Amino acid sequence: MAFVKIIAVLMLAAVAMLVFWLLYGIIICPVKPGRGERLEAVLRVKGSAPCLENTLRGLMWLRGSGRVDMAIVVVDEGMDEDTRQTVELLCGEGSGVALISKKI
């Protein structure tokens, strides 16, 4: 009898974890491109952007986790030198982040 209770509790825990995992995926990335659509994250940066590295790393994590397939593009609209260096480091080989300089 105790064995049946243990199995029931384990099955209930497994179902609860599955539901949590599915809900977590929906909460983290509620946007999924449909058929014929392509998702792109375009960040237009001007001046100093002290939080840009965190933004880019978050987008890279979403893409790397397989939750969303998207291109990440940073458009330089006059960013300062420190911000540009940070973006260039994150645009390394295989990162999938593109830096475009907009002519002003």
PDB file of N, CA and C in Angstrom:
ATOM      1  N   MET A   1       0.814  -1.193   0.000  1.00  0.00           N
ATOM      2  CA  MET A   1       0.000   0.000   0.000  1.00  0.00           C
ATOM      3  C   MET A   1       0.866   1.269   0.000  1.00  0.00           C
ATOM      4  N   ALA A   2       1.919   1.261   0.799  1.00  0.00           N
ATOM      5  CA  ALA A   2       2.809   2.418   0.858  1.00  0.00           C
ATOM      6  C   ALA A   2       3.522   2.607  -0.480  1.00  0.00           C
ATOM      7  N   PHE A   3       3.830   1.464  -1.122  1.00  0.00           N
ATOM      8  CA  PHE A   3       4.498   1.520  -2.420  1.00  0.00           C
ATOM      9  C   PHE A   3       3.622   2.241  -3.443  1.00  0.00           C
ATOM     10  N   VAL A   4       2.335   1.996  -3.467  1.00  0.00           N
ATOM     11  CA  VAL A   4       1.403   2.631  -4.390  1.00  0.00           C
ATOM     12  C   VAL A   4       1.334   4.127  -4.122  1.00  0.00           C
ATOM     13  N   LYS A   5       1.341   4.512  -2.855  1.00  0.00           N
ATOM     14  CA  LYS A   5       1.316   5.935  -2.506  1.00  0.00           C
ATOM     15  C   LYS A   5       2.575   6.640  -2.982  1.00  0.00           C
ATOM     16  N   ILE A   6       3.705   5.980  -2.837  1.00  0.00           N
ATOM     17  CA  ILE A   6       4.980   6.569  -3.274  1.00  0.00           C
ATOM     18  C   ILE A   6       4.966   6.754  -4.791  1.00  0.00           C
ATOM     19  N   ILE A   7       4.510   5.756  -5.522  1.00  0.00           N
ATOM     20  CA  ILE A   7       4.434   5.848  -6.979  1.00  0.00           C
ATOM     21  C   ILE A   7       3.481   6.972  -7.388  1.00  0.00           C
ATOM     22  N   ALA A   8       2.348   7.091  -6.710  1.00  0.00           N
ATOM     23  CA  ALA A   8       1.382   8.149  -7.026  1.00  0.00           C
ATOM     24  C   ALA A   8       1.975   9.523  -6.782  1.00  0.00           C
ATOM     25  N   VAL A   9       2.690   9.678  -5.692  1.00  0.00           N
ATOM     26  CA  VAL A   9       3.327  10.966  -5.378  1.00  0.00           C
ATOM     27  C   VAL A   9       4.394  11.293  -6.427  1.00  0.00           C
ATOM     28  N   LEU A  10       5.188  10.305  -6.817  1.00  0.00           N
ATOM     29  CA  LEU A  10       6.224  10.530  -7.831  1.00  0.00           C
ATOM     30  C   LEU A  10       5.612  10.904  -9.181  1.00  0.00           C
ATOM     31  N   MET A  11       4.505  10.241  -9.545  1.00  0.00           N
ATOM     32  CA  MET A  11       3.832  10.571 -10.801  1.00  0.00           C
ATOM     33  C   MET A  11       3.245  11.974 -10.762  1.00  0.00           C
ATOM     34  N   LEU A  12       2.666  12.339  -9.635  1.00  0.00           N
ATOM     35  CA  LEU A  12       2.116  13.685  -9.472  1.00  0.00           C
ATOM     36  C   LEU A  12       3.222  14.736  -9.562  1.00  0.00           C
ATOM     37  N   ALA A  13       4.361  14.435  -8.946  1.00  0.00           N
ATOM     38  CA  ALA A  13       5.499  15.363  -9.008  1.00  0.00           C
ATOM     39  C   ALA A  13       6.008  15.495 -10.441  1.00  0.00           C
ATOM     40  N   ALA A  14       6.048  14.399 -11.184  1.00  0.00           N
ATOM     41  CA  ALA A  14       6.514  14.442 -12.570  1.00  0.00           C
ATOM     42  C   ALA A  14       5.568  15.275 -13.431  1.00  0.00           C
ATOM     43  N   VAL A  15       4.272  15.113 -13.249  1.00  0.00           N
ATOM     44  CA  VAL A  15       3.297  15.897 -14.006  1.00  0.00           C
ATOM     45  C   VAL A  15       3.414  17.383 -13.650  1.00  0.00           C
ATOM     46  N   ALA A  16       3.588  17.679 -12.365  1.00  0.00           N
ATOM     47  CA  ALA A  16       3.738  19.072 -11.933  1.00  0.00           C
ATOM     48  C   ALA A  16       4.989  19.700 -12.555  1.00  0.00           C
ATOM     49  N   MET A  17       6.086  18.947 -12.611  1.00  0.00           N
ATOM     50  CA  MET A  17       7.317  19.472 -13.212  1.00  0.00           C
ATOM     51  C   MET A  17       7.134  19.710 -14.716  1.00  0.00           C
ATOM     52  N   LEU A  18       6.428  18.816 -15.393  1.00  0.00           N
ATOM     53  CA  LEU A  18       6.176  18.987 -16.816  1.00  0.00           C
ATOM     54  C   LEU A  18       5.348  20.244 -17.074  1.00  0.00           C
ATOM     55  N   VAL A  19       4.305  20.439 -16.295  1.00  0.00           N
ATOM     56  CA  VAL A  19       3.466  21.635 -16.441  1.00  0.00           C
ATOM     57  C   VAL A  19       4.290  22.891 -16.171  1.00  0.00           C
ATOM     58  N   PHE A  20       5.102  22.867 -15.121  1.00  0.00           N
ATOM     59  CA  PHE A  20       5.959  24.013 -14.802  1.00  0.00           C
ATOM     60  C   PHE A  20       6.912  24.311 -15.951  1.00  0.00           C
ATOM     61  N   TRP A  21       7.525  23.278 -16.511  1.00  0.00           N
ATOM     62  CA  TRP A  21       8.479  23.455 -17.600  1.00  0.00           C
ATOM     63  C   TRP A  21       7.799  24.068 -18.825  1.00  0.00           C
ATOM     64  N   LEU A  22       6.618  23.599 -19.166  1.00  0.00           N
ATOM     65  CA  LEU A  22       5.881  24.153 -20.305  1.00  0.00           C
ATOM     66  C   LEU A  22       5.479  25.610 -20.070  1.00  0.00           C
ATOM     67  N   LEU A  23       4.984  25.913 -18.885  1.00  0.00           N
ATOM     68  CA  LEU A  23       4.598  27.290 -18.561  1.00  0.00           C
ATOM     69  C   LEU A  23       5.804  28.212 -18.537  1.00  0.00           C
ATOM     70  N   TYR A  24       6.921  27.712 -18.028  1.00  0.00           N
ATOM     71  CA  TYR A  24       8.156  28.497 -17.989  1.00  0.00           C
ATOM     72  C   TYR A  24       8.564  28.898 -19.408  1.00  0.00           C
ATOM     73  N   GLY A  25       8.483  27.967 -20.354  1.00  0.00           N
ATOM     74  CA  GLY A  25       8.831  28.275 -21.743  1.00  0.00           C
ATOM     75  C   GLY A  25       7.924  29.331 -22.348  1.00  0.00           C
ATOM     76  N   ILE A  26       6.636  29.286 -22.018  1.00  0.00           N
ATOM     77  CA  ILE A  26       5.691  30.274 -22.533  1.00  0.00           C
ATOM     78  C   ILE A  26       5.945  31.645 -21.916  1.00  0.00           C
ATOM     79  N   ILE A  27       6.268  31.676 -20.635  1.00  0.00           N
ATOM     80  CA  ILE A  27       6.527  32.946 -19.954  1.00  0.00           C
ATOM     81  C   ILE A  27       7.822  33.573 -20.450  1.00  0.00           C
ATOM     82  N   ILE A  28       8.867  32.771 -20.599  1.00  0.00           N
ATOM     83  CA  ILE A  28      10.170  33.287 -21.024  1.00  0.00           C
ATOM     84  C   ILE A  28      10.117  33.821 -22.452  1.00  0.00           C
ATOM     85  N   CYS A  29       9.467  33.109 -23.339  1.00  0.00           N
ATOM     86  CA  CYS A  29       9.429  33.536 -24.734  1.00  0.00           C
ATOM     87  C   CYS A  29       8.037  33.326 -25.307  1.00  0.00           C
ATOM     88  N   PRO A  30       7.144  34.290 -25.071  1.00  0.00           N
ATOM     89  CA  PRO A  30       5.778  34.131 -25.560  1.00  0.00           C
ATOM     90  C   PRO A  30       5.617  34.374 -27.058  1.00  0.00           C
ATOM     91  N   VAL A  31       6.680  34.803 -27.728  1.00  0.00           N
ATOM     92  CA  VAL A  31       6.597  35.133 -29.152  1.00  0.00           C
ATOM     93  C   VAL A  31       7.263  34.025 -29.964  1.00  0.00           C
ATOM     94  N   LYS A  32       6.526  33.501 -30.896  1.00  0.00           N
ATOM     95  CA  LYS A  32       7.060  32.506 -31.828  1.00  0.00           C
ATOM     96  C   LYS A  32       6.665  32.947 -33.230  1.00  0.00           C
ATOM     97  N   PRO A  33       7.641  33.077 -34.137  1.00  0.00           N
ATOM     98  CA  PRO A  33       7.278  33.459 -35.494  1.00  0.00           C
ATOM     99  C   PRO A  33       6.483  32.353 -36.176  1.00  0.00           C
ATOM    100  N   GLY A  34       5.504  32.754 -36.978  1.00  0.00           N
ATOM    101  CA  GLY A  34       4.681  31.796 -37.700  1.00  0.00           C
ATOM    102  C   GLY A  34       5.293  31.432 -39.043  1.00  0.00           C
ATOM    103  N   ARG A  35       4.550  30.660 -39.790  1.00  0.00           N
ATOM    104  CA  ARG A  35       5.004  30.221 -41.106  1.00  0.00           C
ATOM    105  C   ARG A  35       5.219  31.443 -42.005  1.00  0.00           C
ATOM    106  N   GLY A  36       6.376  31.491 -42.650  1.00  0.00           N
ATOM    107  CA  GLY A  36       6.683  32.594 -43.549  1.00  0.00           C
ATOM    108  C   GLY A  36       7.149  33.857 -42.840  1.00  0.00           C
ATOM    109  N   GLU A  37       7.350  33.776 -41.535  1.00  0.00           N
ATOM    110  CA  GLU A  37       7.795  34.948 -40.761  1.00  0.00           C
ATOM    111  C   GLU A  37       9.210  34.701 -40.238  1.00  0.00           C
ATOM    112  N   ARG A  38       9.946  35.779 -40.070  1.00  0.00           N
ATOM    113  CA  ARG A  38      11.292  35.709 -39.497  1.00  0.00           C
ATOM    114  C   ARG A  38      11.378  36.767 -38.414  1.00  0.00           C
ATOM    115  N   LEU A  39      11.858  36.376 -37.268  1.00  0.00           N
ATOM    116  CA  LEU A  39      11.971  37.287 -36.144  1.00  0.00           C
ATOM    117  C   LEU A  39      13.378  37.882 -36.109  1.00  0.00           C
ATOM    118  N   GLU A  40      13.448  39.199 -35.934  1.00  0.00           N
ATOM    119  CA  GLU A  40      14.732  39.892 -35.830  1.00  0.00           C
ATOM    120  C   GLU A  40      14.688  40.862 -34.664  1.00  0.00           C
ATOM    121  N   ALA A  41      15.774  40.919 -33.931  1.00  0.00           N
ATOM    122  CA  ALA A  41      15.925  41.906 -32.866  1.00  0.00           C
ATOM    123  C   ALA A  41      16.893  42.961 -33.395  1.00  0.00           C
ATOM    124  N   VAL A  42      16.392  44.162 -33.601  1.00  0.00           N
ATOM    125  CA  VAL A  42      17.216  45.263 -34.102  1.00  0.00           C
ATOM    126  C   VAL A  42      17.331  46.297 -32.996  1.00  0.00           C
ATOM    127  N   LEU A  43      18.559  46.526 -32.549  1.00  0.00           N
ATOM    128  CA  LEU A  43      18.824  47.499 -31.491  1.00  0.00           C
ATOM    129  C   LEU A  43      19.509  48.705 -32.115  1.00  0.00           C
ATOM    130  N   ARG A  44      18.862  49.834 -32.079  1.00  0.00           N
ATOM    131  CA  ARG A  44      19.437  51.077 -32.597  1.00  0.00           C
ATOM    132  C   ARG A  44      20.054  51.813 -31.412  1.00  0.00           C
ATOM    133  N   VAL A  45      21.365  52.036 -31.482  1.00  0.00           N
ATOM    134  CA  VAL A  45      22.085  52.571 -30.331  1.00  0.00           C
ATOM    135  C   VAL A  45      22.730  53.901 -30.677  1.00  0.00           C
ATOM    136  N   LYS A  46      22.510  54.873 -29.797  1.00  0.00           N
ATOM    137  CA  LYS A  46      23.073  56.208 -29.971  1.00  0.00           C
ATOM    138  C   LYS A  46      23.683  56.632 -28.639  1.00  0.00           C
ATOM    139  N   GLY A  47      24.889  57.166 -28.685  1.00  0.00           N
ATOM    140  CA  GLY A  47      25.543  57.640 -27.467  1.00  0.00           C
ATOM    141  C   GLY A  47      25.994  56.491 -26.578  1.00  0.00           C
ATOM    142  N   SER A  48      25.895  56.708 -25.280  1.00  0.00           N
ATOM    143  CA  SER A  48      26.295  55.697 -24.303  1.00  0.00           C
ATOM    144  C   SER A  48      25.101  54.792 -23.997  1.00  0.00           C
ATOM    145  N   ALA A  49      25.367  53.500 -23.934  1.00  0.00           N
ATOM    146  CA  ALA A  49      24.313  52.528 -23.614  1.00  0.00           C
ATOM    147  C   ALA A  49      24.871  51.532 -22.609  1.00  0.00           C
ATOM    148  N   PRO A  50      24.884  51.907 -21.315  1.00  0.00           N
ATOM    149  CA  PRO A  50      25.521  51.063 -20.307  1.00  0.00           C
ATOM    150  C   PRO A  50      24.846  49.706 -20.105  1.00  0.00           C
ATOM    151  N   CYS A  51      23.587  49.554 -20.471  1.00  0.00           N
ATOM    152  CA  CYS A  51      22.869  48.277 -20.286  1.00  0.00           C
ATOM    153  C   CYS A  51      22.855  47.431 -21.548  1.00  0.00           C
ATOM    154  N   LEU A  52      23.503  47.871 -22.607  1.00  0.00           N
ATOM    155  CA  LEU A  52      23.450  47.165 -23.880  1.00  0.00           C
ATOM    156  C   LEU A  52      24.025  45.754 -23.787  1.00  0.00           C
ATOM    157  N   GLU A  53      25.101  45.579 -23.052  1.00  0.00           N
ATOM    158  CA  GLU A  53      25.695  44.246 -22.932  1.00  0.00           C
ATOM    159  C   GLU A  53      24.699  43.260 -22.325  1.00  0.00           C
ATOM    160  N   ASN A  54      23.997  43.676 -21.277  1.00  0.00           N
ATOM    161  CA  ASN A  54      22.992  42.794 -20.667  1.00  0.00           C
ATOM    162  C   ASN A  54      21.866  42.478 -21.643  1.00  0.00           C
ATOM    163  N   THR A  55      21.435  43.466 -22.398  1.00  0.00           N
ATOM    164  CA  THR A  55      20.373  43.258 -23.388  1.00  0.00           C
ATOM    165  C   THR A  55      20.818  42.245 -24.433  1.00  0.00           C
ATOM    166  N   LEU A  56      22.021  42.431 -24.952  1.00  0.00           N
ATOM    167  CA  LEU A  56      22.527  41.520 -25.977  1.00  0.00           C
ATOM    168  C   LEU A  56      22.715  40.106 -25.430  1.00  0.00           C
ATOM    169  N   ARG A  57      23.275  40.002 -24.236  1.00  0.00           N
ATOM    170  CA  ARG A  57      23.470  38.670 -23.643  1.00  0.00           C
ATOM    171  C   ARG A  57      22.130  37.967 -23.400  1.00  0.00           C
ATOM    172  N   GLY A  58      21.112  38.727 -23.009  1.00  0.00           N
ATOM    173  CA  GLY A  58      19.785  38.151 -22.816  1.00  0.00           C
ATOM    174  C   GLY A  58      19.196  37.637 -24.120  1.00  0.00           C
ATOM    175  N   LEU A  59      19.333  38.428 -25.191  1.00  0.00           N
ATOM    176  CA  LEU A  59      18.848  37.996 -26.502  1.00  0.00           C
ATOM    177  C   LEU A  59      19.624  36.787 -27.012  1.00  0.00           C
ATOM    178  N   MET A  60      20.937  36.792 -26.779  1.00  0.00           N
ATOM    179  CA  MET A  60      21.762  35.665 -27.194  1.00  0.00           C
ATOM    180  C   MET A  60      21.375  34.403 -26.417  1.00  0.00           C
ATOM    181  N   TRP A  61      21.034  34.570 -25.141  1.00  0.00           N
ATOM    182  CA  TRP A  61      20.606  33.426 -24.336  1.00  0.00           C
ATOM    183  C   TRP A  61      19.294  32.855 -24.860  1.00  0.00           C
ATOM    184  N   LEU A  62      18.346  33.736 -25.179  1.00  0.00           N
ATOM    185  CA  LEU A  62      17.068  33.263 -25.723  1.00  0.00           C
ATOM    186  C   LEU A  62      17.280  32.465 -26.998  1.00  0.00           C
ATOM    187  N   ARG A  63      18.126  32.989 -27.870  1.00  0.00           N
ATOM    188  CA  ARG A  63      18.383  32.292 -29.127  1.00  0.00           C
ATOM    189  C   ARG A  63      19.162  30.998 -28.886  1.00  0.00           C
ATOM    190  N   GLY A  64      20.150  31.063 -28.027  1.00  0.00           N
ATOM    191  CA  GLY A  64      20.975  29.891 -27.743  1.00  0.00           C
ATOM    192  C   GLY A  64      20.226  28.773 -27.030  1.00  0.00           C
ATOM    193  N   SER A  65      19.197  29.135 -26.281  1.00  0.00           N
ATOM    194  CA  SER A  65      18.422  28.120 -25.562  1.00  0.00           C
ATOM    195  C   SER A  65      17.477  27.367 -26.492  1.00  0.00           C
ATOM    196  N   GLY A  66      17.344  27.851 -27.722  1.00  0.00           N
ATOM    197  CA  GLY A  66      16.455  27.211 -28.676  1.00  0.00           C
ATOM    198  C   GLY A  66      15.008  27.646 -28.545  1.00  0.00           C
ATOM    199  N   ARG A  67      14.742  28.612 -27.681  1.00  0.00           N
ATOM    200  CA  ARG A  67      13.364  29.065 -27.483  1.00  0.00           C
ATOM    201  C   ARG A  67      12.866  29.912 -28.646  1.00  0.00           C
ATOM    202  N   VAL A  68      13.792  30.596 -29.322  1.00  0.00           N
ATOM    203  CA  VAL A  68      13.387  31.439 -30.455  1.00  0.00           C
ATOM    204  C   VAL A  68      14.549  31.522 -31.450  1.00  0.00           C
ATOM    205  N   ASP A  69      14.219  31.467 -32.722  1.00  0.00           N
ATOM    206  CA  ASP A  69      15.212  31.608 -33.782  1.00  0.00           C
ATOM    207  C   ASP A  69      15.111  33.026 -34.313  1.00  0.00           C
ATOM    208  N   MET A  70      16.126  33.818 -34.064  1.00  0.00           N
ATOM    209  CA  MET A  70      16.077  35.210 -34.499  1.00  0.00           C
ATOM    210  C   MET A  70      17.468  35.729 -34.822  1.00  0.00           C
ATOM    211  N   ALA A  71      17.486  36.727 -35.675  1.00  0.00           N
ATOM    212  CA  ALA A  71      18.723  37.441 -35.969  1.00  0.00           C
ATOM    213  C   ALA A  71      18.839  38.594 -34.974  1.00  0.00           C
ATOM    214  N   ILE A  72      20.061  38.897 -34.576  1.00  0.00           N
ATOM    215  CA  ILE A  72      20.295  40.025 -33.659  1.00  0.00           C
ATOM    216  C   ILE A  72      21.188  41.020 -34.390  1.00  0.00           C
ATOM    217  N   VAL A  73      20.683  42.232 -34.548  1.00  0.00           N
ATOM    218  CA  VAL A  73      21.404  43.275 -35.284  1.00  0.00           C
ATOM    219  C   VAL A  73      21.501  44.514 -34.405  1.00  0.00           C
ATOM    220  N   VAL A  74      22.707  45.062 -34.294  1.00  0.00           N
ATOM    221  CA  VAL A  74      22.930  46.314 -33.571  1.00  0.00           C
ATOM    222  C   VAL A  74      23.274  47.373 -34.613  1.00  0.00           C
ATOM    223  N   VAL A  75      22.495  48.439 -34.632  1.00  0.00           N
ATOM    224  CA  VAL A  75      22.721  49.531 -35.586  1.00  0.00           C
ATOM    225  C   VAL A  75      23.393  50.679 -34.832  1.00  0.00           C
ATOM    226  N   ASP A  76      24.593  51.013 -35.264  1.00  0.00           N
ATOM    227  CA  ASP A  76      25.351  52.112 -34.659  1.00  0.00           C
ATOM    228  C   ASP A  76      24.849  53.423 -35.246  1.00  0.00           C
ATOM    229  N   GLU A  77      24.106  54.165 -34.438  1.00  0.00           N
ATOM    230  CA  GLU A  77      23.608  55.472 -34.858  1.00  0.00           C
ATOM    231  C   GLU A  77      24.357  56.587 -34.130  1.00  0.00           C
ATOM    232  N   GLY A  78      25.638  56.331 -33.864  1.00  0.00           N
ATOM    233  CA  GLY A  78      26.464  57.316 -33.179  1.00  0.00           C
ATOM    234  C   GLY A  78      26.784  56.923 -31.755  1.00  0.00           C
ATOM    235  N   MET A  79      27.016  55.634 -31.521  1.00  0.00           N
ATOM    236  CA  MET A  79      27.343  55.184 -30.154  1.00  0.00           C
ATOM    237  C   MET A  79      28.752  55.618 -29.783  1.00  0.00           C
ATOM    238  N   ASP A  80      28.969  55.761 -28.483  1.00  0.00           N
ATOM    239  CA  ASP A  80      30.297  56.169 -28.030  1.00  0.00           C
ATOM    240  C   ASP A  80      31.285  55.008 -28.179  1.00  0.00           C
ATOM    241  N   GLU A  81      32.569  55.308 -27.994  1.00  0.00           N
ATOM    242  CA  GLU A  81      33.639  54.332 -28.252  1.00  0.00           C
ATOM    243  C   GLU A  81      33.558  53.119 -27.321  1.00  0.00           C
ATOM    244  N   ASP A  82      33.269  53.328 -26.033  1.00  0.00           N
ATOM    245  CA  ASP A  82      33.177  52.202 -25.089  1.00  0.00           C
ATOM    246  C   ASP A  82      32.045  51.252 -25.461  1.00  0.00           C
ATOM    247  N   THR A  83      30.918  51.824 -25.829  1.00  0.00           N
ATOM    248  CA  THR A  83      29.772  50.996 -26.223  1.00  0.00           C
ATOM    249  C   THR A  83      30.096  50.218 -27.482  1.00  0.00           C
ATOM    250  N   ARG A  84      30.739  50.871 -28.430  1.00  0.00           N
ATOM    251  CA  ARG A  84      31.104  50.189 -29.678  1.00  0.00           C
ATOM    252  C   ARG A  84      32.066  49.040 -29.416  1.00  0.00           C
ATOM    253  N   GLN A  85      33.032  49.223 -28.545  1.00  0.00           N
ATOM    254  CA  GLN A  85      33.982  48.157 -28.219  1.00  0.00           C
ATOM    255  C   GLN A  85      33.264  46.962 -27.586  1.00  0.00           C
ATOM    256  N   THR A  86      32.309  47.253 -26.710  1.00  0.00           N
ATOM    257  CA  THR A  86      31.537  46.184 -26.074  1.00  0.00           C
ATOM    258  C   THR A  86      30.781  45.380 -27.127  1.00  0.00           C
ATOM    259  N   VAL A  87      30.136  46.073 -28.049  1.00  0.00           N
ATOM    260  CA  VAL A  87      29.372  45.392 -29.104  1.00  0.00           C
ATOM    261  C   VAL A  87      30.314  44.590 -29.995  1.00  0.00           C
ATOM    262  N   GLU A  88      31.463  45.160 -30.346  1.00  0.00           N
ATOM    263  CA  GLU A  88      32.413  44.449 -31.203  1.00  0.00           C
ATOM    264  C   GLU A  88      32.901  43.168 -30.537  1.00  0.00           C
ATOM    265  N   LEU A  89      33.106  43.199 -29.228  1.00  0.00           N
ATOM    266  CA  LEU A  89      33.513  41.983 -28.509  1.00  0.00           C
ATOM    267  C   LEU A  89      32.415  40.925 -28.556  1.00  0.00           C
ATOM    268  N   LEU A  90      31.179  41.350 -28.412  1.00  0.00           N
ATOM    269  CA  LEU A  90      30.060  40.412 -28.437  1.00  0.00           C
ATOM    270  C   LEU A  90      29.728  39.926 -29.849  1.00  0.00           C
ATOM    271  N   CYS A  91      30.229  40.633 -30.855  1.00  0.00           N
ATOM    272  CA  CYS A  91      29.982  40.242 -32.245  1.00  0.00           C
ATOM    273  C   CYS A  91      31.029  39.250 -32.741  1.00  0.00           C
ATOM    274  N   GLY A  92      31.761  38.655 -31.837  1.00  0.00           N
ATOM    275  CA  GLY A  92      32.806  37.713 -32.230  1.00  0.00           C
ATOM    276  C   GLY A  92      32.275  36.575 -33.070  1.00  0.00           C
ATOM    277  N   GLU A  93      33.192  35.787 -33.590  1.00  0.00           N
ATOM    278  CA  GLU A  93      32.834  34.677 -34.469  1.00  0.00           C
ATOM    279  C   GLU A  93      31.837  33.737 -33.816  1.00  0.00           C
ATOM    280  N   GLY A  94      30.805  33.435 -34.540  1.00  0.00           N
ATOM    281  CA  GLY A  94      29.816  32.475 -34.062  1.00  0.00           C
ATOM    282  C   GLY A  94      28.776  33.025 -33.111  1.00  0.00           C
ATOM    283  N   SER A  95      28.847  34.306 -32.782  1.00  0.00           N
ATOM    284  CA  SER A  95      27.878  34.866 -31.837  1.00  0.00           C
ATOM    285  C   SER A  95      26.521  35.105 -32.489  1.00  0.00           C
ATOM    286  N   GLY A  96      26.526  35.337 -33.791  1.00  0.00           N
ATOM    287  CA  GLY A  96      25.272  35.604 -34.490  1.00  0.00           C
ATOM    288  C   GLY A  96      24.764  37.015 -34.297  1.00  0.00           C
ATOM    289  N   VAL A  97      25.607  37.892 -33.753  1.00  0.00           N
ATOM    290  CA  VAL A  97      25.240  39.297 -33.564  1.00  0.00           C
ATOM    291  C   VAL A  97      25.941  40.102 -34.652  1.00  0.00           C
ATOM    292  N   ALA A  98      25.177  40.906 -35.377  1.00  0.00           N
ATOM    293  CA  ALA A  98      25.742  41.721 -36.454  1.00  0.00           C
ATOM    294  C   ALA A  98      25.739  43.187 -36.038  1.00  0.00           C
ATOM    295  N   LEU A  99      26.823  43.883 -36.377  1.00  0.00           N
ATOM    296  CA  LEU A  99      26.941  45.315 -36.109  1.00  0.00           C
ATOM    297  C   LEU A  99      26.922  46.049 -37.437  1.00  0.00           C
ATOM    298  N   ILE A 100      26.016  46.996 -37.559  1.00  0.00           N
ATOM    299  CA  ILE A 100      25.897  47.796 -38.775  1.00  0.00           C
ATOM    300  C   ILE A 100      26.128  49.256 -38.396  1.00  0.00           C
ATOM    301  N   SER A 101      27.030  49.917 -39.125  1.00  0.00           N
ATOM    302  CA  SER A 101      27.274  51.339 -38.892  1.00  0.00           C
ATOM    303  C   SER A 101      26.404  52.147 -39.838  1.00  0.00           C
ATOM    304  N   LYS A 102      25.555  52.969 -39.271  1.00  0.00           N
ATOM    305  CA  LYS A 102      24.677  53.824 -40.075  1.00  0.00           C
ATOM    306  C   LYS A 102      25.419  55.101 -40.396  1.00  0.00           C
ATOM    307  N   LYS A 103      25.441  55.456 -41.646  1.00  0.00           N
ATOM    308  CA  LYS A 103      26.093  56.703 -42.072  1.00  0.00           C
ATOM    309  C   LYS A 103      25.234  57.876 -41.619  1.00  0.00           C
ATOM    310  N   ILE A 104      25.856  58.807 -40.900  1.00  0.00           N
ATOM    311  CA  ILE A 104      25.126  59.965 -40.384  1.00  0.00           C
ATOM    312  C   ILE A 104      25.413  61.172 -41.242  1.00  0.00           C
TER     313      ILE A 104
END
